PDB file of N, CA and C in Angstrom:
ATOM      1  N   MET A   1     114.083  32.578  73.245  1.00  0.00           N
ATOM      2  CA  MET A   1     114.328  31.191  73.646  1.00  0.00           C
ATOM      3  C   MET A   1     114.329  30.852  75.062  1.00  0.00           C
ATOM      4  N   ASP A   2     113.445  29.665  75.142  1.00  0.00           N
ATOM      5  CA  ASP A   2     113.057  29.353  76.535  1.00  0.00           C
ATOM      6  C   ASP A   2     114.077  28.343  77.234  1.00  0.00           C
ATOM      7  N   VAL A   3     114.337  28.651  78.438  1.00  0.00           N
ATOM      8  CA  VAL A   3     115.118  28.033  79.183  1.00  0.00           C
ATOM      9  C   VAL A   3     114.394  26.763  79.771  1.00  0.00           C
ATOM     10  N   ALA A   4     114.734  25.696  79.451  1.00  0.00           N
ATOM     11  CA  ALA A   4     114.014  24.588  80.053  1.00  0.00           C
ATOM     12  C   ALA A   4     114.920  23.661  80.991  1.00  0.00           C
ATOM     13  N   LEU A   5     114.376  23.541  82.088  1.00  0.00           N
ATOM     14  CA  LEU A   5     114.794  22.653  83.478  1.00  0.00           C
ATOM     15  C   LEU A   5     113.512  21.614  83.955  1.00  0.00           C
ATOM     16  N   ALA A   6     114.459  20.360  84.364  1.00  0.00           N
ATOM     17  CA  ALA A   6     113.244  19.167  84.890  1.00  0.00           C
ATOM     18  C   ALA A   6     113.337  18.956  86.104  1.00  0.00           C
ATOM     19  N   LEU A   7     112.243  18.711  86.641  1.00  0.00           N
ATOM     20  CA  LEU A   7     112.059  18.372  88.231  1.00  0.00           C
ATOM     21  C   LEU A   7     112.238  16.846  88.007  1.00  0.00           C
ATOM     22  N   PRO A   8     113.193  16.241  89.147  1.00  0.00           N
ATOM     23  CA  PRO A   8     113.310  15.108  89.571  1.00  0.00           C
ATOM     24  C   PRO A   8     111.958  14.396  89.329  1.00  0.00           C
ATOM     25  N   ALA A   9     112.210  13.000  89.612  1.00  0.00           N
ATOM     26  CA  ALA A   9     110.874  11.900  89.791  1.00  0.00           C
ATOM     27  C   ALA A   9     110.513  12.067  91.334  1.00  0.00           C
ATOM     28  N   GLU A  10     111.044  12.644  92.279  1.00  0.00           N
ATOM     29  CA  GLU A  10     110.843  12.524  93.567  1.00  0.00           C
ATOM     30  C   GLU A  10     110.893  14.184  94.073  1.00  0.00           C
ATOM     31  N   LEU A  11     110.179  14.994  94.619  1.00  0.00           N
ATOM     32  CA  LEU A  11     110.100  16.263  95.122  1.00  0.00           C
ATOM     33  C   LEU A  11     109.525  16.366  96.270  1.00  0.00           C
ATOM     34  N   THR A  12     110.039  15.921  97.471  1.00  0.00           N
ATOM     35  CA  THR A  12     109.402  16.189  98.790  1.00  0.00           C
ATOM     36  C   THR A  12     110.320  17.088  99.629  1.00  0.00           C
ATOM     37  N   HIS A  13     109.839  17.389 100.972  1.00  0.00           N
ATOM     38  CA  HIS A  13     110.223  18.337 101.747  1.00  0.00           C
ATOM     39  C   HIS A  13     111.963  17.772 102.091  1.00  0.00           C
ATOM     40  N   ARG A  14     112.151  16.466 101.632  1.00  0.00           N
ATOM     41  CA  ARG A  14     113.513  16.030 101.757  1.00  0.00           C
ATOM     42  C   ARG A  14     114.421  16.626 100.766  1.00  0.00           C
ATOM     43  N   GLN A  15     114.237  16.691  99.406  1.00  0.00           N
ATOM     44  CA  GLN A  15     114.560  16.949  98.513  1.00  0.00           C
ATOM     45  C   GLN A  15     114.470  18.739  97.755  1.00  0.00           C
ATOM     46  N   ALA A  16     113.597  19.353  98.585  1.00  0.00           N
ATOM     47  CA  ALA A  16     113.162  20.633  97.870  1.00  0.00           C
ATOM     48  C   ALA A  16     114.118  21.781  98.100  1.00  0.00           C
ATOM     49  N   SER A  17     115.044  21.781  99.273  1.00  0.00           N
ATOM     50  CA  SER A  17     116.143  22.639  99.268  1.00  0.00           C
ATOM     51  C   SER A  17     117.168  22.479  98.331  1.00  0.00           C
ATOM     52  N   GLY A  18     118.019  21.194  97.882  1.00  0.00           N
ATOM     53  CA  GLY A  18     118.486  21.226  96.712  1.00  0.00           C
ATOM     54  C   GLY A  18     117.917  21.249  95.279  1.00  0.00           C
ATOM     55  N   VAL A  19     117.114  20.821  95.008  1.00  0.00           N
ATOM     56  CA  VAL A  19     116.222  21.081  93.802  1.00  0.00           C
ATOM     57  C   VAL A  19     116.007  22.358  93.583  1.00  0.00           C
ATOM     58  N   LEU A  20     115.315  23.316  94.463  1.00  0.00           N
ATOM     59  CA  LEU A  20     115.360  24.725  94.675  1.00  0.00           C
ATOM     60  C   LEU A  20     116.872  25.295  94.173  1.00  0.00           C
ATOM     61  N   GLY A  21     117.808  25.022  94.659  1.00  0.00           N
ATOM     62  CA  GLY A  21     119.044  25.456  94.528  1.00  0.00           C
ATOM     63  C   GLY A  21     119.681  25.293  93.286  1.00  0.00           C
ATOM     64  N   LEU A  22     119.430  24.170  92.780  1.00  0.00           N
ATOM     65  CA  LEU A  22     119.556  23.919  91.144  1.00  0.00           C
ATOM     66  C   LEU A  22     118.920  24.649  90.093  1.00  0.00           C
ATOM     67  N   LEU A  23     117.667  24.402  90.475  1.00  0.00           N
ATOM     68  CA  LEU A  23     116.458  25.571  89.670  1.00  0.00           C
ATOM     69  C   LEU A  23     116.947  26.974  89.716  1.00  0.00           C
ATOM     70  N   LEU A  24     117.218  27.436  90.875  1.00  0.00           N
ATOM     71  CA  LEU A  24     117.223  28.887  90.945  1.00  0.00           C
ATOM     72  C   LEU A  24     119.130  29.452  90.149  1.00  0.00           C
ATOM     73  N   GLN A  25     120.017  28.435  90.414  1.00  0.00           N
ATOM     74  CA  GLN A  25     120.992  28.517  89.727  1.00  0.00           C
ATOM     75  C   GLN A  25     120.918  28.379  88.307  1.00  0.00           C
ATOM     76  N   GLY A  26     120.169  27.604  87.581  1.00  0.00           N
ATOM     77  CA  GLY A  26     120.087  27.626  86.225  1.00  0.00           C
ATOM     78  C   GLY A  26     119.070  28.975  85.799  1.00  0.00           C
ATOM     79  N   LEU A  27     118.323  29.355  86.395  1.00  0.00           N
ATOM     80  CA  LEU A  27     117.501  30.464  86.222  1.00  0.00           C
ATOM     81  C   LEU A  27     118.534  31.683  86.266  1.00  0.00           C
ATOM     82  N   ARG A  28     119.007  31.821  87.283  1.00  0.00           N
ATOM     83  CA  ARG A  28     120.031  33.106  87.314  1.00  0.00           C
ATOM     84  C   ARG A  28     121.204  32.944  85.976  1.00  0.00           C
ATOM     85  N   ALA A  29     121.616  31.839  85.752  1.00  0.00           N
ATOM     86  CA  ALA A  29     122.689  32.154  84.764  1.00  0.00           C
ATOM     87  C   ALA A  29     122.533  32.037  83.682  1.00  0.00           C
ATOM     88  N   ASP A  30     121.167  31.973  83.308  1.00  0.00           N
ATOM     89  CA  ASP A  30     120.833  32.015  81.713  1.00  0.00           C
ATOM     90  C   ASP A  30     120.269  33.605  81.538  1.00  0.00           C
ATOM     91  N   GLU A  31     120.417  33.694  80.176  1.00  0.00           N
ATOM     92  CA  GLU A  31     119.703  35.143  79.674  1.00  0.00           C
ATOM     93  C   GLU A  31     118.205  35.107  79.197  1.00  0.00           C
ATOM     94  N   ALA A  32     117.859  33.875  78.937  1.00  0.00           N
ATOM     95  CA  ALA A  32     116.646  33.692  78.227  1.00  0.00           C
ATOM     96  C   ALA A  32     115.439  34.408  79.133  1.00  0.00           C
ATOM     97  N   SER A  33     114.485  35.281  78.554  1.00  0.00           N
ATOM     98  CA  SER A  33     113.396  36.030  79.189  1.00  0.00           C
ATOM     99  C   SER A  33     112.324  35.098  79.759  1.00  0.00           C
ATOM    100  N   HIS A  34     112.297  33.874  79.141  1.00  0.00           N
ATOM    101  CA  HIS A  34     111.178  32.710  79.657  1.00  0.00           C
ATOM    102  C   HIS A  34     111.776  31.578  80.313  1.00  0.00           C
ATOM    103  N   TRP A  35     111.141  30.959  81.248  1.00  0.00           N
ATOM    104  CA  TRP A  35     111.753  29.790  81.710  1.00  0.00           C
ATOM    105  C   TRP A  35     110.789  28.761  81.894  1.00  0.00           C
ATOM    106  N   VAL A  36     111.013  27.473  81.284  1.00  0.00           N
ATOM    107  CA  VAL A  36     109.933  26.395  81.560  1.00  0.00           C
ATOM    108  C   VAL A  36     110.750  25.247  82.591  1.00  0.00           C
ATOM    109  N   ILE A  37     109.454  25.031  83.350  1.00  0.00           N
ATOM    110  CA  ILE A  37     110.069  23.850  84.193  1.00  0.00           C
ATOM    111  C   ILE A  37     109.161  22.671  83.875  1.00  0.00           C
ATOM    112  N   ASP A  38     110.062  21.832  83.401  1.00  0.00           N
ATOM    113  CA  ASP A  38     109.105  20.319  82.898  1.00  0.00           C
ATOM    114  C   ASP A  38     108.858  19.613  84.329  1.00  0.00           C
ATOM    115  N   ALA A  39     107.832  19.146  84.584  1.00  0.00           N
ATOM    116  CA  ALA A  39     107.193  18.455  85.671  1.00  0.00           C
ATOM    117  C   ALA A  39     107.039  17.393  85.297  1.00  0.00           C
ATOM    118  N   GLY A  40     107.283  16.725  83.970  1.00  0.00           N
ATOM    119  CA  GLY A  40     106.768  15.164  83.547  1.00  0.00           C
ATOM    120  C   GLY A  40     107.431  14.271  84.263  1.00  0.00           C
ATOM    121  N   ALA A  41     108.641  14.182  84.691  1.00  0.00           N
ATOM    122  CA  ALA A  41     109.125  12.996  85.511  1.00  0.00           C
ATOM    123  C   ALA A  41     108.606  12.978  86.791  1.00  0.00           C
ATOM    124  N   LEU A  42     108.019  13.822  87.270  1.00  0.00           N
ATOM    125  CA  LEU A  42     107.768  14.261  88.813  1.00  0.00           C
ATOM    126  C   LEU A  42     106.496  12.967  89.472  1.00  0.00           C
ATOM    127  N   ARG A  43     106.928  11.912  90.076  1.00  0.00           N
ATOM    128  CA  ARG A  43     105.971  11.142  90.515  1.00  0.00           C
ATOM    129  C   ARG A  43     105.642  11.358  91.881  1.00  0.00           C
ATOM    130  N   VAL A  44     106.556  11.330  92.555  1.00  0.00           N
ATOM    131  CA  VAL A  44     106.278  11.331  94.112  1.00  0.00           C
ATOM    132  C   VAL A  44     106.895  13.024  94.916  1.00  0.00           C
ATOM    133  N   PHE A  45     105.539  13.384  95.493  1.00  0.00           N
ATOM    134  CA  PHE A  45     105.658  14.746  95.656  1.00  0.00           C
ATOM    135  C   PHE A  45     104.735  15.282  97.203  1.00  0.00           C
ATOM    136  N   ASP A  46     104.983  16.020  97.647  1.00  0.00           N
ATOM    137  CA  ASP A  46     103.824  16.695  98.766  1.00  0.00           C
ATOM    138  C   ASP A  46     104.099  18.152  98.500  1.00  0.00           C
ATOM    139  N   SER A  47     103.600  18.897  99.252  1.00  0.00           N
ATOM    140  CA  SER A  47     103.277  20.376  99.201  1.00  0.00           C
ATOM    141  C   SER A  47     104.600  21.130  98.979  1.00  0.00           C
ATOM    142  N   ALA A  48     105.907  20.703  99.455  1.00  0.00           N
ATOM    143  CA  ALA A  48     107.139  21.024  98.968  1.00  0.00           C
ATOM    144  C   ALA A  48     107.485  21.216  97.751  1.00  0.00           C
ATOM    145  N   ALA A  49     106.978  20.480  97.104  1.00  0.00           N
ATOM    146  CA  ALA A  49     107.038  21.115  95.373  1.00  0.00           C
ATOM    147  C   ALA A  49     106.236  21.915  95.177  1.00  0.00           C
ATOM    148  N   LEU A  50     105.166  22.461  95.599  1.00  0.00           N
ATOM    149  CA  LEU A  50     104.451  23.635  95.281  1.00  0.00           C
ATOM    150  C   LEU A  50     105.504  24.522  95.668  1.00  0.00           C
ATOM    151  N   ALA A  51     105.945  24.724  96.952  1.00  0.00           N
ATOM    152  CA  ALA A  51     106.813  25.636  97.626  1.00  0.00           C
ATOM    153  C   ALA A  51     107.901  26.025  96.556  1.00  0.00           C
ATOM    154  N   VAL A  52     108.540  24.947  96.067  1.00  0.00           N
ATOM    155  CA  VAL A  52     109.719  25.106  94.971  1.00  0.00           C
ATOM    156  C   VAL A  52     109.218  25.830  93.891  1.00  0.00           C
ATOM    157  N   LEU A  53     108.223  25.591  93.429  1.00  0.00           N
ATOM    158  CA  LEU A  53     107.654  25.883  91.911  1.00  0.00           C
ATOM    159  C   LEU A  53     107.314  27.504  92.341  1.00  0.00           C
ATOM    160  N   LEU A  54     106.663  27.696  93.570  1.00  0.00           N
ATOM    161  CA  LEU A  54     106.516  29.320  93.547  1.00  0.00           C
ATOM    162  C   LEU A  54     107.387  30.135  93.889  1.00  0.00           C
ATOM    163  N   GLU A  55     108.904  29.387  94.450  1.00  0.00           N
ATOM    164  CA  GLU A  55     109.812  30.320  94.724  1.00  0.00           C
ATOM    165  C   GLU A  55     110.204  30.451  93.423  1.00  0.00           C
ATOM    166  N   CYS A  56     110.316  29.578  92.657  1.00  0.00           N
ATOM    167  CA  CYS A  56     110.983  29.753  91.182  1.00  0.00           C
ATOM    168  C   CYS A  56     110.161  30.926  90.373  1.00  0.00           C
ATOM    169  N   ARG A  57     108.900  30.967  90.758  1.00  0.00           N
ATOM    170  CA  ARG A  57     108.504  31.722  89.839  1.00  0.00           C
ATOM    171  C   ARG A  57     108.666  33.167  90.768  1.00  0.00           C
ATOM    172  N   ARG A  58     108.777  33.179  91.925  1.00  0.00           N
ATOM    173  CA  ARG A  58     109.014  34.798  92.578  1.00  0.00           C
ATOM    174  C   ARG A  58     110.121  35.136  92.081  1.00  0.00           C
ATOM    175  N   GLU A  59     111.248  34.193  91.950  1.00  0.00           N
ATOM    176  CA  GLU A  59     112.334  34.559  91.495  1.00  0.00           C
ATOM    177  C   GLU A  59     112.533  34.945  90.067  1.00  0.00           C
ATOM    178  N   ALA A  60     111.714  34.342  89.242  1.00  0.00           N
ATOM    179  CA  ALA A  60     111.697  34.781  87.938  1.00  0.00           C
ATOM    180  C   ALA A  60     111.142  36.185  87.971  1.00  0.00           C
ATOM    181  N   LEU A  61     110.215  36.391  88.491  1.00  0.00           N
ATOM    182  CA  LEU A  61     109.400  37.573  88.404  1.00  0.00           C
ATOM    183  C   LEU A  61     110.298  38.961  88.900  1.00  0.00           C
ATOM    184  N   ALA A  62     111.226  38.620  89.999  1.00  0.00           N
ATOM    185  CA  ALA A  62     112.150  39.382  90.689  1.00  0.00           C
ATOM    186  C   ALA A  62     113.272  39.797  89.468  1.00  0.00           C
ATOM    187  N   ILE A  63     113.863  38.929  88.777  1.00  0.00           N
ATOM    188  CA  ILE A  63     114.713  39.320  87.752  1.00  0.00           C
ATOM    189  C   ILE A  63     114.248  39.620  86.141  1.00  0.00           C
ATOM    190  N   HIS A  64     112.689  39.793  86.194  1.00  0.00           N
ATOM    191  CA  HIS A  64     112.200  39.933  85.014  1.00  0.00           C
ATOM    192  C   HIS A  64     112.241  38.917  83.814  1.00  0.00           C
ATOM    193  N   LYS A  65     111.628  37.920  84.398  1.00  0.00           N
ATOM    194  CA  LYS A  65     111.776  36.626  83.498  1.00  0.00           C
ATOM    195  C   LYS A  65     109.942  36.229  83.563  1.00  0.00           C
ATOM    196  N   THR A  66     109.652  35.235  82.717  1.00  0.00           N
ATOM    197  CA  THR A  66     108.541  34.747  82.801  1.00  0.00           C
ATOM    198  C   THR A  66     108.901  33.003  83.072  1.00  0.00           C
ATOM    199  N   LEU A  67     107.510  32.480  83.624  1.00  0.00           N
ATOM    200  CA  LEU A  67     107.586  30.966  84.029  1.00  0.00           C
ATOM    201  C   LEU A  67     106.486  30.203  83.507  1.00  0.00           C
ATOM    202  N   SER A  68     106.676  29.056  83.186  1.00  0.00           N
ATOM    203  CA  SER A  68     105.751  28.565  82.858  1.00  0.00           C
ATOM    204  C   SER A  68     105.962  26.827  83.301  1.00  0.00           C
ATOM    205  N   ILE A  69     105.151  25.952  83.926  1.00  0.00           N
ATOM    206  CA  ILE A  69     104.821  24.412  83.828  1.00  0.00           C
ATOM    207  C   ILE A  69     104.532  24.045  83.076  1.00  0.00           C
ATOM    208  N   LYS A  70     105.603  22.987  82.472  1.00  0.00           N
ATOM    209  CA  LYS A  70     105.115  21.811  81.524  1.00  0.00           C
ATOM    210  C   LYS A  70     104.828  20.413  82.248  1.00  0.00           C
ATOM    211  N   ASP A  71     103.769  19.886  81.850  1.00  0.00           N
ATOM    212  CA  ASP A  71     103.285  18.824  82.177  1.00  0.00           C
ATOM    213  C   ASP A  71     103.207  18.353  83.825  1.00  0.00           C
ATOM    214  N   LEU A  72     102.336  19.412  84.453  1.00  0.00           N
ATOM    215  CA  LEU A  72     102.301  19.243  85.739  1.00  0.00           C
ATOM    216  C   LEU A  72     101.592  18.243  86.132  1.00  0.00           C
ATOM    217  N   PRO A  73     101.832  17.263  86.856  1.00  0.00           N
ATOM    218  CA  PRO A  73     100.893  16.169  87.296  1.00  0.00           C
ATOM    219  C   PRO A  73      99.492  16.443  87.794  1.00  0.00           C
ATOM    220  N   PRO A  74      98.691  16.076  87.368  1.00  0.00           N
ATOM    221  CA  PRO A  74      97.284  16.198  87.649  1.00  0.00           C
ATOM    222  C   PRO A  74      97.220  16.475  89.271  1.00  0.00           C
ATOM    223  N   ALA A  75      97.872  15.490  90.228  1.00  0.00           N
ATOM    224  CA  ALA A  75      97.478  15.431  91.567  1.00  0.00           C
ATOM    225  C   ALA A  75      97.908  16.816  92.170  1.00  0.00           C
ATOM    226  N   LEU A  76      99.143  17.139  91.641  1.00  0.00           N
ATOM    227  CA  LEU A  76      99.885  18.678  92.083  1.00  0.00           C
ATOM    228  C   LEU A  76      99.047  19.527  91.621  1.00  0.00           C
ATOM    229  N   ALA A  77      98.438  19.468  90.008  1.00  0.00           N
ATOM    230  CA  ALA A  77      97.694  20.709  89.889  1.00  0.00           C
ATOM    231  C   ALA A  77      96.390  20.797  90.857  1.00  0.00           C
ATOM    232  N   GLY A  78      96.088  19.785  91.199  1.00  0.00           N
ATOM    233  CA  GLY A  78      94.647  19.837  92.338  1.00  0.00           C
ATOM    234  C   GLY A  78      95.199  20.405  93.594  1.00  0.00           C
ATOM    235  N   MET A  79      96.215  19.772  94.057  1.00  0.00           N
ATOM    236  CA  MET A  79      96.802  20.564  95.093  1.00  0.00           C
ATOM    237  C   MET A  79      97.092  21.910  94.991  1.00  0.00           C
ATOM    238  N   ALA A  80      97.499  22.534  94.060  1.00  0.00           N
ATOM    239  CA  ALA A  80      97.627  23.999  93.859  1.00  0.00           C
ATOM    240  C   ALA A  80      96.393  24.574  93.611  1.00  0.00           C
ATOM    241  N   ALA A  81      95.369  24.005  93.167  1.00  0.00           N
ATOM    242  CA  ALA A  81      93.934  24.780  93.133  1.00  0.00           C
ATOM    243  C   ALA A  81      93.275  24.373  94.534  1.00  0.00           C
ATOM    244  N   LEU A  82      93.444  23.642  95.292  1.00  0.00           N
ATOM    245  CA  LEU A  82      92.921  23.261  96.849  1.00  0.00           C
ATOM    246  C   LEU A  82      93.741  24.757  97.417  1.00  0.00           C
ATOM    247  N   TYR A  83      94.853  24.870  97.059  1.00  0.00           N
ATOM    248  CA  TYR A  83      95.663  26.238  97.972  1.00  0.00           C
ATOM    249  C   TYR A  83      95.456  27.417  97.494  1.00  0.00           C
ATOM    250  N   GLY A  84      94.747  27.335  96.192  1.00  0.00           N
ATOM    251  CA  GLY A  84      94.690  28.812  95.527  1.00  0.00           C
ATOM    252  C   GLY A  84      95.692  29.447  94.779  1.00  0.00           C
ATOM    253  N   VAL A  85      96.852  28.726  94.403  1.00  0.00           N
ATOM    254  CA  VAL A  85      97.805  29.231  93.926  1.00  0.00           C
ATOM    255  C   VAL A  85      97.836  28.774  92.486  1.00  0.00           C
ATOM    256  N   ASP A  86      96.867  27.938  92.002  1.00  0.00           N
ATOM    257  CA  ASP A  86      97.058  27.052  90.428  1.00  0.00           C
ATOM    258  C   ASP A  86      97.101  28.629  89.678  1.00  0.00           C
ATOM    259  N   SER A  87      96.651  29.604  89.573  1.00  0.00           N
ATOM    260  CA  SER A  87      96.911  30.814  88.651  1.00  0.00           C
ATOM    261  C   SER A  87      98.031  31.125  88.555  1.00  0.00           C
ATOM    262  N   LEU A  88      98.975  31.134  89.699  1.00  0.00           N
ATOM    263  CA  LEU A  88     100.574  31.406  89.688  1.00  0.00           C
ATOM    264  C   LEU A  88     101.362  30.615  89.229  1.00  0.00           C
ATOM    265  N   LEU A  89     101.048  29.398  88.503  1.00  0.00           N
ATOM    266  CA  LEU A  89     101.642  28.124  87.834  1.00  0.00           C
ATOM    267  C   LEU A  89     101.224  28.021  86.372  1.00  0.00           C
ATOM    268  N   PRO A  90     101.529  29.196  85.647  1.00  0.00           N
ATOM    269  CA  PRO A  90     100.775  28.582  84.114  1.00  0.00           C
ATOM    270  C   PRO A  90     101.461  27.331  83.378  1.00  0.00           C
ATOM    271  N   ALA A  91     100.602  27.046  82.893  1.00  0.00           N
ATOM    272  CA  ALA A  91     101.159  25.859  81.983  1.00  0.00           C
ATOM    273  C   ALA A  91     101.623  26.238  80.910  1.00  0.00           C
ATOM    274  N   HIS A  92     102.687  25.658  80.515  1.00  0.00           N
ATOM    275  CA  HIS A  92     103.285  25.944  79.068  1.00  0.00           C
ATOM    276  C   HIS A  92     102.642  25.273  78.110  1.00  0.00           C
ATOM    277  N   ALA A  93     102.359  26.343  77.269  1.00  0.00           N
ATOM    278  CA  ALA A  93     101.562  25.990  75.785  1.00  0.00           C
ATOM    279  C   ALA A  93     102.457  24.983  74.869  1.00  0.00           C
ATOM    280  N   SER A  94     101.897  23.891  74.658  1.00  0.00           N
ATOM    281  CA  SER A  94     102.574  22.806  73.605  1.00  0.00           C
ATOM    282  C   SER A  94     103.130  23.623  72.406  1.00  0.00           C
ATOM    283  N   GLY A  95     104.164  23.431  71.737  1.00  0.00           N
ATOM    284  CA  GLY A  95     104.463  23.831  70.346  1.00  0.00           C
ATOM    285  C   GLY A  95     105.108  25.273  70.773  1.00  0.00           C
ATOM    286  N   VAL A  96     105.216  25.789  72.036  1.00  0.00           N
ATOM    287  CA  VAL A  96     106.139  27.048  72.123  1.00  0.00           C
ATOM    288  C   VAL A  96     107.375  26.505  72.349  1.00  0.00           C
TER     289      VAL A  96
END
């Protein structure tokens, strides 16, 4: 069974610490082996959003879980590609 947590509509440097804390708390509290972050609501973001997602990935790997991202906004996907980290944020397959 997958764990699904949603990002807020805004994730900039200002919100990053709080959002990261909530996401990591959810990840650590659940026994599921796969974790899905739903980014569909995300509308306002900066590079801190990538930092949050990458830290979630790092934590997931550290506790032997997998991670995928659902509905990553195209502009954020482009930013990830620009920074060369897009392969570290796998897209969640529809219907999974």
